[in-house]
């Protein structure tokens, strides 16, 4: 499973990489630190990702912009929010922008790993 990570905090980038290493078949193929970088990469690489893992609040731009770039995606591709800001109405806005799921960086890492494991199995069978 090819993961596109959108996160501006270098420490969090590394923590997420390490977390995803626990998922068989998962590999971070690209990291973007801004909404502009993410949009550019997604436009140039529409088939090179299975999971876009998107932080909402970036130093430049926000994850809602990135989610909108993910709207035209293949049926197997998923766009998921990983943020410290997950209360309503944020979850509702994320869903409207195209998020398939929302996970809290502090409380939902085990749930994220489980989600990624299932997605990785689905990707491997297609």
C-alpha atoms as a PDB file:
ATOM      1  CA  UNK A   1       0.000   0.000   0.000  1.00  0.00           C
ATOM      2  CA  UNK A   2       1.475   3.305  -1.119  1.00  0.00           C
ATOM      3  CA  UNK A   3       0.939   6.096   1.404  1.00  0.00           C
ATOM      4  CA  UNK A   4       1.080   9.791   0.564  1.00  0.00           C
ATOM      5  CA  UNK A   5       1.639  11.681   3.824  1.00  0.00           C
ATOM      6  CA  UNK A   6       0.655  15.343   4.147  1.00  0.00           C
ATOM      7  CA  UNK A   7       2.173  16.629   7.396  1.00  0.00           C
ATOM      8  CA  UNK A   8       4.263  19.733   8.062  1.00  0.00           C
ATOM      9  CA  UNK A   9       5.753  18.651  11.410  1.00  0.00           C
ATOM     10  CA  UNK A  10       8.969  16.674  10.844  1.00  0.00           C
ATOM     11  CA  UNK A  11       8.695  14.864  14.197  1.00  0.00           C
ATOM     12  CA  UNK A  12       5.139  13.745  13.413  1.00  0.00           C
ATOM     13  CA  UNK A  13       6.221  12.708   9.908  1.00  0.00           C
ATOM     14  CA  UNK A  14       8.780  10.347  11.420  1.00  0.00           C
ATOM     15  CA  UNK A  15       6.361   9.013  14.038  1.00  0.00           C
ATOM     16  CA  UNK A  16       3.771   8.252  11.365  1.00  0.00           C
ATOM     17  CA  UNK A  17       6.409   6.539   9.201  1.00  0.00           C
ATOM     18  CA  UNK A  18       7.398   4.343  12.138  1.00  0.00           C
ATOM     19  CA  UNK A  19       3.766   3.565  12.931  1.00  0.00           C
ATOM     20  CA  UNK A  20       3.056   2.580   9.332  1.00  0.00           C
ATOM     21  CA  UNK A  21       6.103   0.293   9.262  1.00  0.00           C
ATOM     22  CA  UNK A  22       4.052  -1.984  11.545  1.00  0.00           C
ATOM     23  CA  UNK A  23       1.568  -2.457   8.698  1.00  0.00           C
ATOM     24  CA  UNK A  24       2.638  -5.215   6.284  1.00  0.00           C
ATOM     25  CA  UNK A  25       2.989  -3.808   2.782  1.00  0.00           C
ATOM     26  CA  UNK A  26       2.660  -0.149   3.778  1.00  0.00           C
ATOM     27  CA  UNK A  27       5.228   2.280   2.440  1.00  0.00           C
ATOM     28  CA  UNK A  28       5.325   6.082   2.590  1.00  0.00           C
ATOM     29  CA  UNK A  29       6.059   6.990  -1.032  1.00  0.00           C
ATOM     30  CA  UNK A  30       5.910  10.784  -0.693  1.00  0.00           C
ATOM     31  CA  UNK A  31       5.619  13.463   1.965  1.00  0.00           C
ATOM     32  CA  UNK A  32       4.254  16.972   1.429  1.00  0.00           C
ATOM     33  CA  UNK A  33       4.437  19.741   4.013  1.00  0.00           C
ATOM     34  CA  UNK A  34       1.994  22.208   2.424  1.00  0.00           C
ATOM     35  CA  UNK A  35      -1.336  22.115   0.648  1.00  0.00           C
ATOM     36  CA  UNK A  36       0.314  23.432  -2.531  1.00  0.00           C
ATOM     37  CA  UNK A  37       2.993  20.702  -2.509  1.00  0.00           C
ATOM     38  CA  UNK A  38       0.321  18.067  -1.896  1.00  0.00           C
ATOM     39  CA  UNK A  39      -1.933  19.322  -4.683  1.00  0.00           C
ATOM     40  CA  UNK A  40       0.965  19.476  -7.140  1.00  0.00           C
ATOM     41  CA  UNK A  41       2.097  15.942  -6.280  1.00  0.00           C
ATOM     42  CA  UNK A  42      -1.426  14.511  -6.488  1.00  0.00           C
ATOM     43  CA  UNK A  43      -1.976  16.146  -9.889  1.00  0.00           C
ATOM     44  CA  UNK A  44       1.310  14.720 -11.210  1.00  0.00           C
ATOM     45  CA  UNK A  45       0.888  11.260  -9.630  1.00  0.00           C
ATOM     46  CA  UNK A  46      -2.811  10.317  -9.704  1.00  0.00           C
ATOM     47  CA  UNK A  47      -2.090   6.572  -9.675  1.00  0.00           C
ATOM     48  CA  UNK A  48       0.928   6.516  -7.340  1.00  0.00           C
ATOM     49  CA  UNK A  49      -0.918   6.326  -4.015  1.00  0.00           C
ATOM     50  CA  UNK A  50      -3.446   4.136  -2.247  1.00  0.00           C
ATOM     51  CA  UNK A  51      -3.831   6.168   0.945  1.00  0.00           C
ATOM     52  CA  UNK A  52      -3.533   9.925   1.379  1.00  0.00           C
ATOM     53  CA  UNK A  53      -2.976  10.576   5.080  1.00  0.00           C
ATOM     54  CA  UNK A  54      -3.681  14.281   5.603  1.00  0.00           C
ATOM     55  CA  UNK A  55      -3.140  16.638   8.536  1.00  0.00           C
ATOM     56  CA  UNK A  56      -5.708  19.432   8.567  1.00  0.00           C
ATOM     57  CA  UNK A  57      -3.698  22.377   9.826  1.00  0.00           C
ATOM     58  CA  UNK A  58      -0.525  22.892   7.818  1.00  0.00           C
ATOM     59  CA  UNK A  59       1.981  25.732   8.015  1.00  0.00           C
ATOM     60  CA  UNK A  60       0.890  26.695   4.482  1.00  0.00           C
ATOM     61  CA  UNK A  61      -2.695  25.914   3.570  1.00  0.00           C
ATOM     62  CA  UNK A  62      -4.909  23.309   5.122  1.00  0.00           C
ATOM     63  CA  UNK A  63      -5.844  19.691   4.673  1.00  0.00           C
ATOM     64  CA  UNK A  64      -9.343  20.501   3.440  1.00  0.00           C
ATOM     65  CA  UNK A  65      -7.709  21.790   0.233  1.00  0.00           C
ATOM     66  CA  UNK A  66      -5.768  18.539  -0.072  1.00  0.00           C
ATOM     67  CA  UNK A  67      -8.901  16.452   0.461  1.00  0.00           C
ATOM     68  CA  UNK A  68     -10.587  18.314  -2.383  1.00  0.00           C
ATOM     69  CA  UNK A  69      -7.636  17.359  -4.629  1.00  0.00           C
ATOM     70  CA  UNK A  70      -8.306  13.729  -3.696  1.00  0.00           C
ATOM     71  CA  UNK A  71     -11.938  13.768  -4.819  1.00  0.00           C
ATOM     72  CA  UNK A  72     -11.124  12.477  -8.328  1.00  0.00           C
ATOM     73  CA  UNK A  73      -9.569   9.221  -7.260  1.00  0.00           C
ATOM     74  CA  UNK A  74      -9.697   5.549  -8.105  1.00  0.00           C
ATOM     75  CA  UNK A  75     -12.250   3.415  -6.231  1.00  0.00           C
ATOM     76  CA  UNK A  76      -9.548   1.737  -4.119  1.00  0.00           C
ATOM     77  CA  UNK A  77      -7.848   4.993  -3.080  1.00  0.00           C
ATOM     78  CA  UNK A  78      -8.655   6.436   0.343  1.00  0.00           C
ATOM     79  CA  UNK A  79      -8.190   9.927   1.776  1.00  0.00           C
ATOM     80  CA  UNK A  80      -7.921   9.955   5.552  1.00  0.00           C
ATOM     81  CA  UNK A  81      -7.472  12.784   8.046  1.00  0.00           C
ATOM     82  CA  UNK A  82      -4.910  12.445  10.840  1.00  0.00           C
ATOM     83  CA  UNK A  83      -5.122  15.518  13.049  1.00  0.00           C
ATOM     84  CA  UNK A  84      -5.243  16.794  16.607  1.00  0.00           C
ATOM     85  CA  UNK A  85      -8.413  18.674  15.667  1.00  0.00           C
ATOM     86  CA  UNK A  86     -11.107  16.043  15.218  1.00  0.00           C
ATOM     87  CA  UNK A  87     -14.147  17.362  17.087  1.00  0.00           C
ATOM     88  CA  UNK A  88     -17.321  18.347  15.319  1.00  0.00           C
ATOM     89  CA  UNK A  89     -17.764  20.301  13.143  1.00  0.00           C
ATOM     90  CA  UNK A  90     -14.272  19.364  11.908  1.00  0.00           C
ATOM     91  CA  UNK A  91     -15.292  15.739  11.242  1.00  0.00           C
ATOM     92  CA  UNK A  92     -18.317  16.898   9.254  1.00  0.00           C
ATOM     93  CA  UNK A  93     -16.225  19.362   7.215  1.00  0.00           C
ATOM     94  CA  UNK A  94     -13.644  16.654   6.532  1.00  0.00           C
ATOM     95  CA  UNK A  95     -16.339  14.276   5.286  1.00  0.00           C
ATOM     96  CA  UNK A  96     -17.791  17.023   3.059  1.00  0.00           C
ATOM     97  CA  UNK A  97     -14.316  17.661   1.641  1.00  0.00           C
ATOM     98  CA  UNK A  98     -13.953  13.967   0.787  1.00  0.00           C
ATOM     99  CA  UNK A  99     -12.371  12.242   3.787  1.00  0.00           C
ATOM    100  CA  UNK A 100     -13.130   8.541   4.120  1.00  0.00           C
ATOM    101  CA  UNK A 101     -12.162   8.547   7.801  1.00  0.00           C
ATOM    102  CA  UNK A 102     -10.848  10.850  10.529  1.00  0.00           C
ATOM    103  CA  UNK A 103      -8.321   9.805  13.180  1.00  0.00           C
ATOM    104  CA  UNK A 104      -6.979  11.760  16.143  1.00  0.00           C
ATOM    105  CA  UNK A 105      -3.168  11.807  16.379  1.00  0.00           C
ATOM    106  CA  UNK A 106      -3.286  11.445  20.150  1.00  0.00           C
ATOM    107  CA  UNK A 107      -6.058   8.929  20.708  1.00  0.00           C
ATOM    108  CA  UNK A 108      -6.652   6.952  17.507  1.00  0.00           C
ATOM    109  CA  UNK A 109      -3.288   5.585  16.373  1.00  0.00           C
ATOM    110  CA  UNK A 110      -4.272   1.961  17.043  1.00  0.00           C
ATOM    111  CA  UNK A 111      -7.483   2.484  15.082  1.00  0.00           C
ATOM    112  CA  UNK A 112      -5.467   4.053  12.252  1.00  0.00           C
ATOM    113  CA  UNK A 113      -3.142   1.044  12.149  1.00  0.00           C
ATOM    114  CA  UNK A 114      -6.144  -1.301  12.015  1.00  0.00           C
ATOM    115  CA  UNK A 115      -7.653   0.782   9.190  1.00  0.00           C
ATOM    116  CA  UNK A 116      -4.334   0.690   7.298  1.00  0.00           C
ATOM    117  CA  UNK A 117      -3.974  -3.063   7.785  1.00  0.00           C
ATOM    118  CA  UNK A 118      -7.412  -3.643   6.289  1.00  0.00           C
ATOM    119  CA  UNK A 119      -6.773  -1.246   3.408  1.00  0.00           C
ATOM    120  CA  UNK A 120      -3.383  -2.853   2.735  1.00  0.00           C
ATOM    121  CA  UNK A 121      -5.050  -6.278   2.480  1.00  0.00           C
ATOM    122  CA  UNK A 122      -7.681  -4.864   0.113  1.00  0.00           C
ATOM    123  CA  UNK A 123      -5.038  -3.202  -2.067  1.00  0.00           C
ATOM    124  CA  UNK A 124      -3.016  -6.422  -2.232  1.00  0.00           C
ATOM    125  CA  UNK A 125      -6.013  -8.363  -3.559  1.00  0.00           C
ATOM    126  CA  UNK A 126      -6.805  -5.890  -6.362  1.00  0.00           C
END
